[in-house]
Amino acid sequence: MVCYVTMASLQHMQRLQVQLTEAQAGNLRKTAESEGTSQAEIVRRALEAYLRRPIQAREAAVRARALELIGAFSSGSSDAAENHDRYLAEAILEGNEPSGGV
């Protein structure tokens, strides 16, 4: 059963040849042995983590910019936080800017 799962998952893999320094190859081999996994699996995990980094950095930057906007604007209305849904509904129905300045 394990062989079947392994063979099935290999059908979706693409082969890639990579050249490593002797030190890199040695460290990769030792890491794979100590973790009880293949060198290919170590490389796949490392590549996946590397490829995810730019996405996470962009998402973090978007969140930071959004957080900077908190309190940056004033509607001039003292109840905008409490009645923002009402102001938004009015604006949508009227096709205008929200009356509360939201």
Foldseek 3Di string as FASTA:
>chain_A
DVVVVVVVVVVPDDDDDDDDDPVVVVVLVVVCVVVVHDSVVVVVVVVVVVVCVVVVVVVVVVVVVVVVCVVVDDQVAPCCVVCVVVQVVVCVVVVHHRPSSD
